[in-house]
Protein backbone atom coordinates (compact mmCIF):
# COMPACT_ATOMS: atom_id res chain seq x y z
CA UNK A 1 31.93 -83.07 -31.33
CA UNK A 2 28.66 -81.27 -30.42
CA UNK A 3 27.48 -78.59 -32.80
CA UNK A 4 24.89 -75.84 -32.96
CA UNK A 5 22.84 -74.39 -35.75
CA UNK A 6 23.33 -70.60 -35.88
CA UNK A 7 21.23 -69.25 -38.74
CA UNK A 8 22.13 -65.69 -39.69
CA UNK A 9 19.85 -62.79 -38.86
CA UNK A 10 17.85 -62.13 -42.04
CA UNK A 11 17.58 -58.36 -41.57
CA UNK A 12 21.23 -57.93 -40.53
CA UNK A 13 22.65 -60.09 -43.32
CA UNK A 14 20.54 -58.56 -46.08
CA UNK A 15 21.30 -55.02 -44.89
CA UNK A 16 25.00 -55.94 -44.92
CA UNK A 17 24.77 -57.38 -48.44
CA UNK A 18 23.26 -54.11 -49.61
CA UNK A 19 26.73 -52.61 -49.19
CA UNK A 20 28.55 -54.89 -51.66
CA UNK A 21 29.33 -51.94 -53.92
CA UNK A 22 26.72 -52.05 -56.66
CA UNK A 23 25.81 -48.89 -58.51
CA UNK A 24 22.55 -48.57 -60.44
CA UNK A 25 24.27 -49.47 -63.71
CA UNK A 26 26.18 -52.50 -62.38
CA UNK A 27 23.02 -53.76 -60.64
CA UNK A 28 21.03 -53.54 -63.87
CA UNK A 29 23.82 -55.32 -65.76
CA UNK A 30 23.69 -58.18 -63.26
CA UNK A 31 19.99 -58.68 -63.95
CA UNK A 32 20.53 -58.60 -67.72
CA UNK A 33 22.92 -61.52 -67.13
CA UNK A 34 20.00 -63.55 -65.79
CA UNK A 35 17.95 -62.72 -68.87
CA UNK A 36 20.78 -63.91 -71.12
CA UNK A 37 20.97 -67.17 -69.14
CA UNK A 38 17.19 -67.52 -69.74
CA UNK A 39 17.80 -67.27 -73.52
CA UNK A 40 15.98 -63.94 -73.77
CA UNK A 41 15.95 -62.15 -77.11
CA UNK A 42 14.98 -58.81 -75.61
CA UNK A 43 15.22 -57.08 -72.23
CA UNK A 44 13.12 -53.98 -71.61
CA UNK A 45 14.07 -51.73 -68.70
CA UNK A 46 11.56 -49.24 -67.37
CA UNK A 47 12.85 -46.62 -64.92
CA UNK A 48 10.09 -44.29 -63.72
CA UNK A 49 10.52 -41.28 -61.43
CA UNK A 50 6.94 -41.68 -60.17
CA UNK A 51 6.83 -38.29 -58.39
CA UNK A 52 9.79 -39.05 -56.17
CA UNK A 53 8.98 -42.71 -55.50
CA UNK A 54 10.88 -44.34 -58.34
CA UNK A 55 10.40 -47.90 -59.48
CA UNK A 56 12.23 -50.10 -61.96
CA UNK A 57 11.00 -53.02 -64.04
CA UNK A 58 13.35 -55.39 -65.87
CA UNK A 59 11.22 -57.47 -68.24
CA UNK A 60 12.52 -60.21 -70.55
CA UNK A 61 11.05 -62.70 -72.98
CA UNK A 62 13.19 -65.62 -71.85
CA UNK A 63 12.15 -69.14 -70.94
CA UNK A 64 10.75 -68.10 -67.55
CA UNK A 65 10.81 -70.16 -64.34
CA UNK A 66 8.56 -72.70 -62.70
CA UNK A 67 7.44 -71.98 -59.14
CA UNK A 68 10.10 -74.28 -57.64
CA UNK A 69 12.82 -72.78 -59.80
CA UNK A 70 11.75 -69.26 -58.88
CA UNK A 71 11.84 -70.06 -55.16
CA UNK A 72 15.38 -71.38 -55.63
CA UNK A 73 16.33 -68.25 -57.57
CA UNK A 74 15.08 -66.13 -54.63
CA UNK A 75 17.19 -68.11 -52.15
CA UNK A 76 20.39 -66.33 -51.05
CA UNK A 77 23.28 -68.47 -52.29
CA UNK A 78 20.87 -70.95 -53.87
CA UNK A 79 23.26 -71.82 -56.71
CA UNK A 80 26.78 -71.28 -55.44
CA UNK A 81 30.12 -70.95 -57.24
CA UNK A 82 30.86 -74.69 -57.08
CA UNK A 83 27.86 -75.53 -59.28
CA UNK A 84 28.67 -76.75 -62.79
CA UNK A 85 27.03 -74.25 -65.12
CA UNK A 86 25.93 -74.19 -68.72
CA UNK A 87 28.41 -72.37 -70.97
CA UNK A 88 25.87 -69.55 -71.49
CA UNK A 89 25.30 -69.00 -67.75
CA UNK A 90 26.77 -65.67 -66.62
CA UNK A 91 26.08 -66.20 -62.90
CA UNK A 92 28.45 -67.50 -60.28
CA UNK A 93 27.57 -67.01 -56.60
CA UNK A 94 23.79 -67.39 -56.59
CA UNK A 95 23.54 -63.90 -55.10
CA UNK A 96 23.35 -61.52 -58.08
CA UNK A 97 19.57 -61.22 -58.43
CA UNK A 98 19.11 -60.51 -54.72
CA UNK A 99 22.18 -58.46 -53.85
CA UNK A 100 22.07 -56.37 -57.02
CA UNK A 101 18.37 -55.60 -56.60
CA UNK A 102 18.32 -55.00 -52.86
CA UNK A 103 21.36 -52.73 -53.13
CA UNK A 104 19.00 -50.31 -54.88
CA UNK A 105 15.56 -50.98 -53.35
CA UNK A 106 13.87 -52.24 -50.17
CA UNK A 107 11.35 -54.44 -51.91
CA UNK A 108 12.19 -56.92 -54.66
CA UNK A 109 9.44 -58.77 -56.50
CA UNK A 110 10.05 -61.36 -59.22
CA UNK A 111 7.22 -62.71 -61.35
CA UNK A 112 7.87 -65.39 -63.97
CA UNK A 113 5.80 -67.31 -66.49
CA UNK A 114 6.61 -70.74 -67.85
CA UNK A 115 4.41 -73.38 -69.48
CA UNK A 116 1.43 -71.05 -69.14
CA UNK A 117 1.77 -70.75 -65.34
CA UNK A 118 2.74 -67.49 -63.61
CA UNK A 119 4.49 -67.47 -60.21
CA UNK A 120 5.62 -64.52 -58.09
CA UNK A 121 7.60 -64.01 -54.87
CA UNK A 122 8.80 -60.98 -52.96
CA UNK A 123 11.57 -60.00 -50.55
CA UNK A 124 10.38 -57.07 -48.41
CA UNK A 125 13.09 -55.77 -46.08
CA UNK A 126 10.67 -53.70 -44.02
CA UNK A 127 8.39 -56.73 -43.57
CA UNK A 128 11.34 -58.81 -42.37
CA UNK A 129 12.17 -56.19 -39.76
CA UNK A 130 8.57 -55.98 -38.57
CA UNK A 131 7.97 -59.73 -38.28
CA UNK A 132 10.83 -60.89 -36.11
CA UNK A 133 13.80 -61.12 -38.43
CA UNK A 134 12.83 -64.42 -40.11
CA UNK A 135 13.73 -65.43 -43.67
CA UNK A 136 10.15 -64.94 -44.76
CA UNK A 137 9.65 -64.85 -48.53
CA UNK A 138 6.28 -63.40 -49.49
CA UNK A 139 4.25 -65.20 -52.17
CA UNK A 140 2.44 -63.38 -54.97
CA UNK A 141 2.54 -59.83 -56.30
CA UNK A 142 2.02 -57.06 -53.70
CA UNK A 143 -1.37 -55.35 -54.13
CA UNK A 144 0.07 -52.02 -55.31
CA UNK A 145 1.85 -53.64 -58.27
CA UNK A 146 -0.60 -56.48 -58.97
CA UNK A 147 -1.61 -54.81 -62.24
CA UNK A 148 1.76 -55.82 -63.73
CA UNK A 149 0.62 -59.44 -63.78
CA UNK A 150 -1.55 -58.70 -66.80
CA UNK A 151 1.51 -57.59 -68.82
CA UNK A 152 3.26 -60.87 -68.03
CA UNK A 153 0.16 -62.98 -68.81
CA UNK A 154 0.14 -61.58 -72.36
CA UNK A 155 3.60 -63.03 -72.99
CA UNK A 156 4.23 -66.67 -73.94
CA UNK A 157 6.98 -66.78 -71.29
CA UNK A 158 9.37 -64.47 -69.50
CA UNK A 159 10.32 -62.83 -66.23
CA UNK A 160 9.62 -59.45 -64.61
CA UNK A 161 11.96 -58.14 -61.89
CA UNK A 162 10.37 -55.22 -60.04
CA UNK A 163 12.15 -52.81 -57.72
CA UNK A 164 10.20 -50.40 -55.57
CA UNK A 165 10.80 -48.42 -52.40
CA UNK A 166 14.01 -47.47 -54.16
CA UNK A 167 16.60 -45.68 -52.03
CA UNK A 168 19.79 -46.64 -53.95
CA UNK A 169 21.13 -48.08 -50.68
CA UNK A 170 21.05 -44.77 -48.79
CA UNK A 171 19.31 -44.58 -45.44
CA UNK A 172 18.79 -40.83 -45.11
CA UNK A 173 19.25 -39.26 -48.52
CA UNK A 174 16.19 -39.38 -50.80
CA UNK A 175 16.80 -39.67 -54.54
CA UNK A 176 16.55 -36.44 -56.52
CA UNK A 177 15.16 -36.19 -60.05
CA UNK A 178 18.49 -34.85 -61.34
CA UNK A 179 20.40 -37.78 -59.83
CA UNK A 180 17.81 -40.24 -61.13
CA UNK A 181 18.08 -38.95 -64.71
CA UNK A 182 21.89 -38.95 -64.52
CA UNK A 183 21.69 -42.55 -63.33
CA UNK A 184 19.64 -43.51 -66.38
CA UNK A 185 22.23 -41.89 -68.64
CA UNK A 186 25.07 -43.76 -66.92
CA UNK A 187 23.12 -47.01 -67.12
CA UNK A 188 22.62 -46.66 -70.87
CA UNK A 189 26.34 -46.04 -71.47
CA UNK A 190 27.33 -48.89 -69.14
CA UNK A 191 25.00 -51.46 -70.72
CA UNK A 192 26.11 -50.37 -74.21
CA UNK A 193 29.68 -51.19 -73.16
CA UNK A 194 29.19 -54.32 -71.03
CA UNK A 195 26.91 -56.11 -73.52
CA UNK A 196 28.28 -54.62 -76.74
CA UNK A 197 29.09 -58.04 -78.18
CA UNK A 198 25.51 -59.20 -77.60
CA UNK A 199 24.01 -55.98 -78.95
CA UNK A 200 26.14 -56.14 -82.11
CA UNK A 201 25.61 -59.85 -82.76
CA UNK A 202 29.17 -61.00 -81.97
CA UNK A 203 27.51 -63.15 -79.27
CA UNK A 204 23.89 -64.38 -79.36
CA UNK A 205 22.06 -61.22 -80.38
CA UNK A 206 20.20 -59.36 -77.65
CA UNK A 207 17.97 -56.28 -77.78
CA UNK A 208 17.99 -54.00 -74.72
CA UNK A 209 15.81 -50.93 -74.29
CA UNK A 210 15.58 -48.28 -71.58
CA UNK A 211 12.20 -46.58 -71.43
CA UNK A 212 11.48 -47.73 -74.96
CA UNK A 213 14.77 -46.50 -76.49
CA UNK A 214 16.99 -49.20 -77.94
CA UNK A 215 20.57 -49.26 -76.66
CA UNK A 216 23.28 -49.28 -79.32
CA UNK A 217 26.52 -51.17 -78.83
CA UNK A 218 29.71 -49.27 -77.97
CA UNK A 219 32.73 -51.04 -79.45
CA UNK A 220 35.86 -50.34 -77.35
CA UNK A 221 38.15 -51.39 -80.24
CA UNK A 222 36.62 -49.41 -83.14
CA UNK A 223 37.14 -52.45 -85.36
CA UNK A 224 35.22 -50.80 -88.22
CA UNK A 225 37.52 -47.74 -88.28
CA UNK A 226 40.08 -47.93 -91.04
CA UNK A 227 42.89 -46.55 -88.85
CA UNK A 228 42.51 -49.08 -86.01
CA UNK A 229 45.51 -51.43 -85.81
CA UNK A 230 44.52 -54.95 -84.67
CA UNK A 231 47.25 -57.26 -83.41
CA UNK A 232 47.21 -61.04 -83.99
CA UNK A 233 44.99 -63.03 -81.62
CA UNK A 234 46.94 -65.21 -79.21
CA UNK A 235 45.79 -68.29 -77.28
CA UNK A 236 47.04 -68.85 -73.73
CA UNK A 237 46.58 -71.69 -71.25
CA UNK A 238 44.98 -70.74 -67.93
CA UNK A 239 44.74 -73.68 -65.56
CA UNK A 240 44.12 -76.08 -68.41
CA UNK A 241 41.49 -73.84 -70.02
CA UNK A 242 41.92 -71.91 -73.26
CA UNK A 243 41.74 -68.12 -73.20
CA UNK A 244 42.28 -65.74 -76.10
CA UNK A 245 43.99 -62.35 -76.04
CA UNK A 246 44.04 -59.70 -78.77
CA UNK A 247 45.36 -56.16 -78.73
CA UNK A 248 44.06 -53.13 -80.61
CA UNK A 249 45.68 -49.76 -81.18
CA UNK A 250 42.97 -47.15 -81.68
CA UNK A 251 43.26 -44.32 -84.22
CA UNK A 252 44.82 -41.03 -83.18
CA UNK A 253 42.14 -38.36 -82.50
CA UNK A 254 43.29 -36.60 -85.69
CA UNK A 255 41.80 -39.52 -87.62
CA UNK A 256 38.23 -38.83 -86.50
CA UNK A 257 35.75 -36.68 -88.40
CA UNK A 258 34.80 -34.37 -85.53
CA UNK A 259 34.88 -33.79 -81.77
CA UNK A 260 31.67 -35.80 -81.24
CA UNK A 261 33.27 -38.89 -82.82
CA UNK A 262 36.38 -38.44 -80.68
CA UNK A 263 34.33 -38.23 -77.48
CA UNK A 264 32.24 -41.27 -78.41
CA UNK A 265 35.36 -43.33 -79.10
CA UNK A 266 36.75 -42.40 -75.69
CA UNK A 267 33.97 -44.35 -73.97
CA UNK A 268 31.93 -43.77 -70.81
CA UNK A 269 34.95 -42.78 -68.72
CA UNK A 270 37.10 -41.04 -71.33
CA UNK A 271 40.20 -41.97 -73.31
CA UNK A 272 42.73 -42.16 -70.48
CA UNK A 273 40.53 -44.22 -68.14
CA UNK A 274 39.40 -46.69 -70.83
CA UNK A 275 42.90 -47.79 -71.88
CA UNK A 276 44.18 -51.23 -70.97
CA UNK A 277 42.70 -54.70 -70.58
CA UNK A 278 39.07 -55.61 -71.24
CA UNK A 279 38.22 -58.94 -69.60
CA UNK A 280 35.20 -60.88 -70.86
CA UNK A 281 33.46 -63.94 -69.47
CA UNK A 282 31.40 -65.65 -72.17
CA UNK A 283 31.63 -62.36 -74.13
CA UNK A 284 30.12 -60.38 -71.25
CA UNK A 285 32.48 -57.57 -70.22
CA UNK A 286 33.70 -57.82 -66.62
CA UNK A 287 36.56 -55.34 -66.39
CA UNK A 288 36.82 -52.31 -68.69
CA UNK A 289 40.25 -50.70 -68.78
CA UNK A 290 43.20 -50.62 -66.42
CA UNK A 291 46.36 -52.70 -66.50
CA UNK A 292 45.44 -55.47 -63.99
CA UNK A 293 48.53 -54.76 -61.92
CA UNK A 294 50.78 -55.80 -64.83
CA UNK A 295 54.18 -54.18 -65.23
CA UNK A 296 56.60 -55.85 -62.83
CA UNK A 297 57.67 -54.25 -59.57
CA UNK A 298 56.18 -50.92 -60.65
CA UNK A 299 52.74 -51.69 -62.04
CA UNK A 300 51.71 -49.76 -65.13
CA UNK A 301 49.35 -46.86 -64.64
CA UNK A 302 46.96 -45.13 -67.03
CA UNK A 303 49.28 -42.79 -68.91
CA UNK A 304 48.61 -40.38 -71.71
CA UNK A 305 50.95 -42.03 -74.21
CA UNK A 306 49.16 -45.41 -73.84
CA UNK A 307 45.62 -44.06 -74.11
CA UNK A 308 45.14 -45.67 -77.54
CA UNK A 309 45.95 -49.20 -76.29
CA UNK A 310 43.11 -51.64 -75.57
CA UNK A 311 43.43 -55.39 -75.14
CA UNK A 312 40.63 -57.95 -75.21
CA UNK A 313 40.79 -61.08 -73.04
CA UNK A 314 38.13 -63.80 -73.47
CA UNK A 315 37.55 -66.24 -70.59
CA UNK A 316 35.21 -69.22 -70.26
CA UNK A 317 32.97 -69.40 -67.17
CA UNK A 318 34.94 -72.34 -65.78
CA UNK A 319 37.93 -70.39 -64.39
CA UNK A 320 36.19 -67.78 -62.21
CA UNK A 321 38.19 -68.71 -59.11
CA UNK A 322 41.54 -68.55 -60.92
CA UNK A 323 40.66 -65.04 -62.15
CA UNK A 324 39.04 -64.02 -58.83
CA UNK A 325 35.78 -62.82 -60.37
CA UNK A 326 33.90 -60.83 -57.72
CA UNK A 327 30.19 -60.94 -56.83
CA UNK A 328 29.40 -57.84 -58.91
CA UNK A 329 31.20 -59.31 -61.94
CA UNK A 330 32.95 -55.97 -62.18
CA UNK A 331 36.52 -57.02 -61.42
CA UNK A 332 38.97 -59.71 -62.50
CA UNK A 333 42.58 -60.47 -61.56
CA UNK A 334 44.84 -62.71 -63.67
CA UNK A 335 46.63 -65.67 -62.08
CA UNK A 336 50.35 -65.28 -61.46
CA UNK A 337 51.21 -67.89 -64.09
CA UNK A 338 49.80 -65.65 -66.84
CA UNK A 339 51.14 -62.28 -65.80
CA UNK A 340 54.44 -62.51 -67.70
CA UNK A 341 52.68 -63.50 -70.96
CA UNK A 342 50.10 -60.75 -70.57
CA UNK A 343 52.87 -58.22 -69.90
CA UNK A 344 54.61 -59.27 -73.12
CA UNK A 345 51.44 -58.89 -75.18
CA UNK A 346 50.48 -55.60 -73.53
CA UNK A 347 54.00 -54.24 -73.89
CA UNK A 348 53.82 -54.72 -77.66
CA UNK A 349 50.44 -52.95 -77.85
CA UNK A 350 51.61 -50.06 -75.64
CA UNK A 351 54.76 -49.61 -77.75
CA UNK A 352 52.78 -49.24 -80.98
CA UNK A 353 50.17 -47.06 -79.26
CA UNK A 354 52.94 -44.73 -78.15
CA UNK A 355 54.20 -44.40 -81.73
CA UNK A 356 50.72 -43.65 -83.04
CA UNK A 357 50.02 -41.18 -80.22
CA UNK A 358 53.17 -39.13 -80.65
CA UNK A 359 53.22 -39.20 -84.45
CA UNK A 360 49.47 -38.58 -84.94
CA UNK A 361 48.84 -41.93 -86.57
CA UNK A 362 51.96 -41.94 -88.76
CA UNK A 363 54.88 -44.14 -87.90
CA UNK A 364 57.99 -42.05 -87.33
CA UNK A 365 60.84 -42.87 -89.69
CA UNK A 366 64.26 -41.24 -89.78
CA UNK A 367 64.58 -41.89 -93.53
CA UNK A 368 61.12 -40.48 -94.36
CA UNK A 369 60.14 -43.29 -96.77
CA UNK A 370 56.64 -41.85 -97.18
CA UNK A 371 58.06 -38.68 -98.79
CA UNK A 372 56.74 -36.36 -96.07
CA UNK A 373 59.11 -33.55 -95.09
CA UNK A 374 59.14 -33.58 -91.28
CA UNK A 375 60.90 -30.90 -89.29
CA UNK A 376 61.68 -32.98 -86.18
CA UNK A 377 63.70 -36.17 -85.97
CA UNK A 378 63.41 -38.39 -82.87
CA UNK A 379 66.61 -40.26 -82.11
CA UNK A 380 66.60 -43.48 -80.09
CA UNK A 381 68.71 -43.81 -76.92
CA UNK A 382 71.60 -43.40 -76.26
CA UNK A 383 71.75 -40.41 -78.63
CA UNK A 384 73.07 -37.28 -76.90
CA UNK A 385 70.02 -35.37 -78.08
CA UNK A 386 66.62 -37.06 -78.45
CA UNK A 387 64.91 -34.36 -80.52
CA UNK A 388 66.79 -32.68 -83.37
CA UNK A 389 65.72 -30.50 -86.32
CA UNK A 390 66.22 -32.23 -89.63
CA UNK A 391 69.00 -30.49 -91.51
CA UNK A 392 67.68 -31.84 -94.84
CA UNK A 393 64.32 -30.12 -94.53
CA UNK A 394 63.48 -28.16 -97.75
CA UNK A 395 63.00 -24.86 -95.91
CA UNK A 396 66.40 -25.15 -94.24
CA UNK A 397 67.98 -25.92 -97.61
CA UNK A 398 66.25 -22.83 -99.05
CA UNK A 399 67.41 -20.64 -96.17
CA UNK A 400 71.01 -21.88 -96.40
CA UNK A 401 71.01 -21.14 -100.12
CA UNK A 402 69.91 -17.56 -99.42
CA UNK A 403 72.44 -17.06 -96.61
CA UNK A 404 75.35 -18.43 -98.62
CA UNK A 405 78.41 -18.78 -96.41
CA UNK A 406 76.90 -16.75 -93.54
CA UNK A 407 75.00 -19.60 -91.80
CA UNK A 408 76.59 -19.26 -88.35
CA UNK A 409 73.57 -17.57 -86.77
CA UNK A 410 71.23 -20.16 -88.29
CA UNK A 411 73.31 -23.06 -86.96
CA UNK A 412 73.46 -21.43 -83.52
CA UNK A 413 69.67 -20.97 -83.49
CA UNK A 414 69.09 -24.62 -84.44
CA UNK A 415 71.51 -25.76 -81.74
CA UNK A 416 69.84 -23.56 -79.12
CA UNK A 417 66.35 -24.75 -80.08
CA UNK A 418 67.34 -28.41 -79.82
CA UNK A 419 68.98 -27.96 -76.44
CA UNK A 420 65.98 -26.16 -74.94
CA UNK A 421 63.04 -28.32 -76.06
CA UNK A 422 60.72 -28.10 -72.97
CA UNK A 423 60.10 -31.86 -72.80
CA UNK A 424 58.88 -31.86 -69.19
CA UNK A 425 56.53 -28.94 -69.79
CA UNK A 426 55.13 -30.54 -72.97
CA UNK A 427 54.63 -33.87 -71.18
CA UNK A 428 52.86 -32.27 -68.21
CA UNK A 429 50.65 -30.18 -70.45
CA UNK A 430 49.69 -33.22 -72.54
CA UNK A 431 48.82 -35.28 -69.44
CA UNK A 432 46.73 -32.46 -67.95
CA UNK A 433 45.03 -31.13 -71.09
CA UNK A 434 45.39 -33.84 -73.72
CA UNK A 435 47.16 -33.48 -77.05
CA UNK A 436 46.63 -30.29 -79.09
CA UNK A 437 43.57 -30.34 -81.30
CA UNK A 438 44.15 -31.03 -84.97
CA UNK A 439 44.27 -27.69 -86.87
CA UNK A 440 41.71 -28.90 -89.40
CA UNK A 441 39.08 -29.16 -86.63
CA UNK A 442 39.45 -25.46 -85.64
CA UNK A 443 38.42 -22.91 -88.34
CA UNK A 444 40.75 -20.19 -87.00
CA UNK A 445 43.73 -22.56 -86.79
CA UNK A 446 42.89 -23.92 -90.24
CA UNK A 447 42.94 -20.42 -91.73
CA UNK A 448 46.35 -19.69 -90.17
CA UNK A 449 47.67 -23.00 -91.47
CA UNK A 450 46.57 -22.20 -95.04
CA UNK A 451 48.10 -18.71 -94.86
CA UNK A 452 51.39 -20.15 -93.62
CA UNK A 453 51.43 -22.68 -96.48
CA UNK A 454 50.79 -19.89 -99.01
CA UNK A 455 53.66 -17.84 -97.60
CA UNK A 456 56.08 -20.76 -97.87
CA UNK A 457 54.96 -21.51 -101.44
CA UNK A 458 55.52 -17.87 -102.45
CA UNK A 459 59.00 -17.92 -100.90
CA UNK A 460 59.89 -21.08 -102.85
CA UNK A 461 58.62 -19.55 -106.07
CA UNK A 462 60.66 -16.37 -105.42
CA UNK A 463 63.71 -18.61 -105.06
CA UNK A 464 63.17 -19.98 -108.57
CA UNK A 465 60.89 -22.99 -108.07
CA UNK A 466 58.01 -23.17 -110.53
CA UNK A 467 54.45 -22.89 -109.21
CA UNK A 468 53.47 -26.58 -109.49
CA UNK A 469 56.69 -27.77 -107.85
CA UNK A 470 56.33 -25.26 -105.00
CA UNK A 471 52.74 -26.38 -104.29
CA UNK A 472 53.78 -30.05 -104.37
CA UNK A 473 56.70 -29.40 -101.99
CA UNK A 474 54.50 -27.58 -99.46
CA UNK A 475 51.80 -30.28 -99.66
CA UNK A 476 54.46 -32.84 -98.63
CA UNK A 477 55.54 -30.83 -95.56
CA UNK A 478 54.38 -31.55 -92.07
CA UNK A 479 51.87 -30.33 -90.83
CA UNK A 480 50.38 -29.32 -94.19
CA UNK A 481 50.24 -32.99 -95.26
CA UNK A 482 47.39 -33.51 -92.78
CA UNK A 483 45.15 -31.06 -94.68
CA UNK A 484 43.32 -33.13 -97.34
CA UNK A 485 42.71 -30.23 -99.75
CA UNK A 486 45.96 -28.29 -99.25
CA UNK A 487 47.17 -28.57 -102.86
CA UNK A 488 43.79 -27.42 -104.23
CA UNK A 489 43.71 -24.49 -101.81
CA UNK A 490 47.17 -23.33 -102.85
CA UNK A 491 46.36 -23.78 -106.54
CA UNK A 492 43.40 -21.41 -106.20
CA UNK A 493 45.79 -18.44 -106.08
């Protein structure tokens, strides 16, 4: 059958690829992937405003590329998804360097040094438009950035990726300084999350800086926090390849020292958005949060009660197609054969996260084995009433003793309170505004809490309890048990 060669229009195709959905932070992360593949120990990002004409340099100290290898790296689709890759290679489609860069700028220059020889090539979208729409790759550093060659020559090896004529993919809207600075801030948080295992040394250690400031790893699982609950690691089979899954239940916000620590633990997008699965490919984070459509006919959504649940999935780079890894390496979807197993694992993590969330880090027990006097008891279904006031609470016992046989009004009040718990209102308020702040973090609330504890201790002493026993009883009552120095404060009087 006759055939025809129909090469794509260079300008049209490249302009189309600019719209693949990269943001500044995801584009930078894609280029850091290339540095990791080049066995770099450090990646230095320079983002300069340059009086409204910003430029970006991504410089690494990796192995560098020969001229032939660099030309191939500049080819669109040069190394496609079918290529067998080294286990440390984080690429897939052979498009990341070009599409990520040109999504942000109109001129991409790459200079690389290997074996003492420096090579450089440039894609210039405006040049392509002017010269007849050919796939014309320019050789050498453009004159206005030629001075950067000296920086590369001083290195034993490495690669510089240079973006200029930056427009962030917008045709008519020029970048503003405010937006540019906000972009740098987002990029720092994103890279701290995506490469946290490299930055912390869990993978081959990597140093990343932005404008000379070293990026610190952000650990989604808070593994160093004493109140984090790790679940056992499980190994699953995915198309004949081994993947590992491990769940973590994060500490309740009450378990953090201050509001700054709580906010940092929440992550770049906040507690609710960061819950769920974290999918890694060779320890590089692909998907941060969300439930991957797991949950049966009604897929799970990001809910307040599961905000403490995070689950780590580690994939090799040999099952990209099965997990439908996209060009931006920002999304992954599990194969159908694994969904039931992932739902089982995630269901266990969500269940424990719910207990921690609602009981502020303490497991709820009807029998109170920890000796804490709790006022509310939560009954499991199918109890007629889910939330009831514990009739064995010390204050109720004290009140009944004072009332003698005349406890009818008290019993009626307890009954009325239990029947009118505003569950829907509490749930809606928690979803919209988050859980109430711990009293110990608010000086005014803390003062009221101490005064309330003193009043109860005095009442117990008036009823005949000695001072030490009254203080000990109050210190074991919820919520006073959450105040570390409550017994000392009461003993001061």
